[in-house]
Amino acid sequence: MLQLKTKEVLLDYCQAFVNKRLQTVADVISSNQKALESETKSSAGDKHETGRAMLQLEMEKAGQQLEGIRQMKTILAKVNILKVAEKAHLGSIIITDKRNYFLSISAGQFVVENRIYFAVSAASPIGKLLLGASEKKVFSFNGIPYTVQEIM
C-alpha cells in the first residue's frame, strides 16, 4: 500500500510540474500577444520590424513549448500506477543501488517520505535503459554501473 501512495504522490508531483510549465508558457504567450498588439509603427521602421520579428520568434518558441507540454500531459494520462509487473513500465518506480526512478516524464527530482526520486521519461537515455528492466538487471549509464534492486 505504501508503494501505491508513493506512486500517487510522484504522479501528483509530475502533474503539478506540467501545470506549472503550462502556466508559465501561457503567461509568456499572453505577454507577447499584448506586446504585439501595442506595437505601433514609428518613424524608426526598421526598429519596429525587428521588434515584431523578435516577438514572433518568441511566440513560435512558446508554441513549441506548448506542444511539448501537451505531449507530457498525454504521457501522464497513460501512466498506470496500479499496474504491478516484474518488468519496469510507464508508472513504475525503479530502485537501483545508486538512485530511485519514477518512469513517467522528465520532471526532475522529488522527495517523498525522505527518499529522493527522479522522474524520467521512457524516451530519455536513462529511461530507455530502465524501460523493461527487471530486478537484478545490471546496466551502465555514463560509465557508471547500476543494479536494479526493486521494481514497484
Protein backbone atom coordinates (compact mmCIF):
# COMPACT_ATOMS: atom_id res chain seq x y z
CA MET A 1 0.00 0.00 0.00
CA LEU A 2 2.90 2.33 0.77
CA GLN A 3 4.27 1.96 -2.76
CA LEU A 4 0.87 2.92 -4.24
CA LYS A 5 0.79 6.04 -2.05
CA THR A 6 4.35 6.90 -3.17
CA LYS A 7 3.35 6.45 -6.82
CA GLU A 8 0.30 8.68 -6.28
CA VAL A 9 2.46 11.41 -4.75
CA LEU A 10 5.04 11.15 -7.56
CA LEU A 11 2.31 11.29 -10.21
CA ASP A 12 0.81 14.34 -8.48
CA TYR A 13 4.25 16.00 -8.48
CA CYS A 14 4.61 15.33 -12.20
CA GLN A 15 1.16 16.73 -12.93
CA ALA A 16 1.93 19.85 -10.87
CA PHE A 17 5.23 20.20 -12.76
CA VAL A 18 3.39 20.11 -16.11
CA ASN A 19 0.69 22.52 -14.91
CA LYS A 20 3.32 24.99 -13.69
CA ARG A 21 5.11 24.85 -17.05
CA LEU A 22 1.79 25.29 -18.84
CA GLN A 23 1.01 28.40 -16.78
CA THR A 24 4.46 29.85 -17.45
CA VAL A 25 4.14 29.35 -21.22
CA ALA A 26 0.59 30.72 -21.21
CA ASP A 27 1.85 33.84 -19.41
CA VAL A 28 4.63 34.29 -21.98
CA ILE A 29 2.17 33.90 -24.86
CA SER A 30 -0.25 36.39 -23.29
CA SER A 31 2.53 38.90 -22.64
CA ASN A 32 3.85 38.60 -26.19
CA GLN A 33 0.36 38.97 -27.69
CA LYS A 34 -0.18 42.17 -25.71
CA ALA A 35 3.22 43.44 -26.83
CA LEU A 36 2.43 42.65 -30.47
CA GLU A 37 -0.93 44.43 -30.22
CA SER A 38 0.62 47.50 -28.61
CA GLU A 39 3.44 47.79 -31.16
CA THR A 40 2.79 50.91 -33.22
CA LYS A 41 4.57 51.92 -36.38
CA SER A 42 7.09 54.63 -35.63
CA SER A 43 9.40 56.67 -37.80
CA ALA A 44 12.08 54.13 -36.95
CA GLY A 45 10.51 51.48 -39.22
CA ASP A 46 13.40 49.02 -39.15
CA LYS A 47 13.48 49.03 -35.36
CA HIS A 48 9.73 48.40 -35.31
CA GLU A 49 10.01 45.48 -37.73
CA THR A 50 12.92 43.97 -35.77
CA GLY A 51 10.88 44.18 -32.56
CA ARG A 52 7.88 42.49 -34.19
CA ALA A 53 10.11 39.78 -35.66
CA MET A 54 11.63 39.09 -32.24
CA LEU A 55 8.16 38.84 -30.69
CA GLN A 56 7.08 36.47 -33.46
CA LEU A 57 10.10 34.24 -32.76
CA GLU A 58 9.22 34.21 -29.06
CA MET A 59 5.64 33.24 -29.93
CA GLU A 60 6.86 30.36 -32.11
CA LYS A 61 9.18 29.17 -29.34
CA ALA A 62 6.31 29.31 -26.82
CA GLY A 63 4.13 27.35 -29.26
CA GLN A 64 6.75 24.62 -29.45
CA GLN A 65 6.95 24.52 -25.66
CA LEU A 66 3.16 24.27 -25.53
CA GLU A 67 3.29 21.25 -27.83
CA GLY A 68 5.88 19.61 -25.56
CA ILE A 69 3.60 20.20 -22.57
CA ARG A 70 0.68 18.63 -24.44
CA GLN A 71 2.84 15.57 -25.12
CA MET A 72 3.75 15.35 -21.42
CA LYS A 73 0.05 15.53 -20.48
CA THR A 74 -0.68 12.71 -22.94
CA ILE A 75 2.06 10.55 -21.42
CA LEU A 76 0.87 11.25 -17.87
CA ALA A 77 -2.64 10.20 -18.89
CA LYS A 78 -1.16 6.81 -19.88
CA VAL A 79 0.71 6.28 -16.60
CA ASN A 80 -0.80 3.34 -14.74
CA ILE A 81 0.31 3.42 -11.11
CA LEU A 82 -1.96 0.46 -10.24
CA LYS A 83 -0.17 -1.97 -12.55
CA VAL A 84 2.32 -4.22 -10.81
CA ALA A 85 4.75 -6.11 -13.05
CA GLU A 86 8.13 -7.76 -12.91
CA LYS A 87 9.42 -5.51 -15.70
CA ALA A 88 9.60 -1.72 -15.49
CA HIS A 89 6.87 0.12 -17.39
CA LEU A 90 5.37 3.59 -17.53
CA GLY A 91 4.35 4.29 -13.92
CA SER A 92 6.95 2.01 -12.32
CA ILE A 93 9.26 3.00 -9.52
CA ILE A 94 12.69 1.52 -10.14
CA ILE A 95 15.01 1.28 -7.15
CA THR A 96 18.69 0.90 -8.07
CA ASP A 97 21.79 0.74 -5.93
CA LYS A 98 22.52 4.38 -6.84
CA ARG A 99 19.20 6.19 -7.38
CA ASN A 100 15.44 5.78 -7.40
CA TYR A 101 13.46 6.49 -10.56
CA PHE A 102 9.81 7.07 -11.44
CA LEU A 103 9.24 6.20 -15.10
CA SER A 104 6.86 8.87 -16.39
CA ILE A 105 8.01 12.24 -17.77
CA SER A 106 11.25 14.14 -17.36
CA ALA A 107 10.30 16.29 -14.37
CA GLY A 108 13.40 16.25 -12.22
CA GLN A 109 13.95 15.31 -8.61
CA PHE A 110 11.27 14.86 -5.95
CA VAL A 111 11.46 13.85 -2.30
CA VAL A 112 8.80 11.51 -0.93
CA GLU A 113 9.00 10.08 2.60
CA ASN A 114 12.62 11.32 2.91
CA ARG A 115 13.59 9.35 -0.21
CA ILE A 116 14.78 11.01 -3.42
CA TYR A 117 13.16 10.01 -6.73
CA PHE A 118 13.96 11.16 -10.24
CA ALA A 119 11.02 11.40 -12.62
CA VAL A 120 12.38 10.33 -16.01
CA SER A 121 10.84 9.89 -19.43
CA ALA A 122 10.90 6.49 -21.11
CA ALA A 123 12.37 8.31 -24.12
CA SER A 124 15.32 9.73 -22.16
CA PRO A 125 18.68 7.91 -22.26
CA ILE A 126 18.28 6.58 -18.68
CA GLY A 127 14.57 5.87 -19.29
CA LYS A 128 15.41 3.69 -22.28
CA LEU A 129 17.71 1.63 -20.07
CA LEU A 130 15.10 1.35 -17.32
CA LEU A 131 12.08 0.53 -19.51
CA GLY A 132 11.59 -3.23 -19.47
CA ALA A 133 14.24 -3.75 -16.80
CA SER A 134 13.71 -6.39 -14.15
CA GLU A 135 15.17 -6.88 -10.69
CA LYS A 136 18.88 -7.71 -10.58
CA LYS A 137 19.46 -6.21 -14.05
CA VAL A 138 22.85 -4.53 -14.29
CA PHE A 139 23.34 -1.67 -16.74
CA SER A 140 25.81 1.12 -17.29
CA PHE A 141 24.87 4.79 -17.61
CA ASN A 142 27.54 7.43 -18.24
CA GLY A 143 30.15 4.81 -17.45
CA ILE A 144 28.66 4.07 -14.02
CA PRO A 145 27.28 0.58 -13.32
CA TYR A 146 23.77 0.36 -11.80
CA THR A 147 21.95 -2.63 -10.40
CA VAL A 148 18.15 -2.74 -10.31
CA GLN A 149 17.16 -3.78 -6.80
CA GLU A 150 13.39 -3.49 -6.97
CA ILE A 151 10.56 -2.72 -9.40
CA MET A 152 7.41 -1.33 -7.82
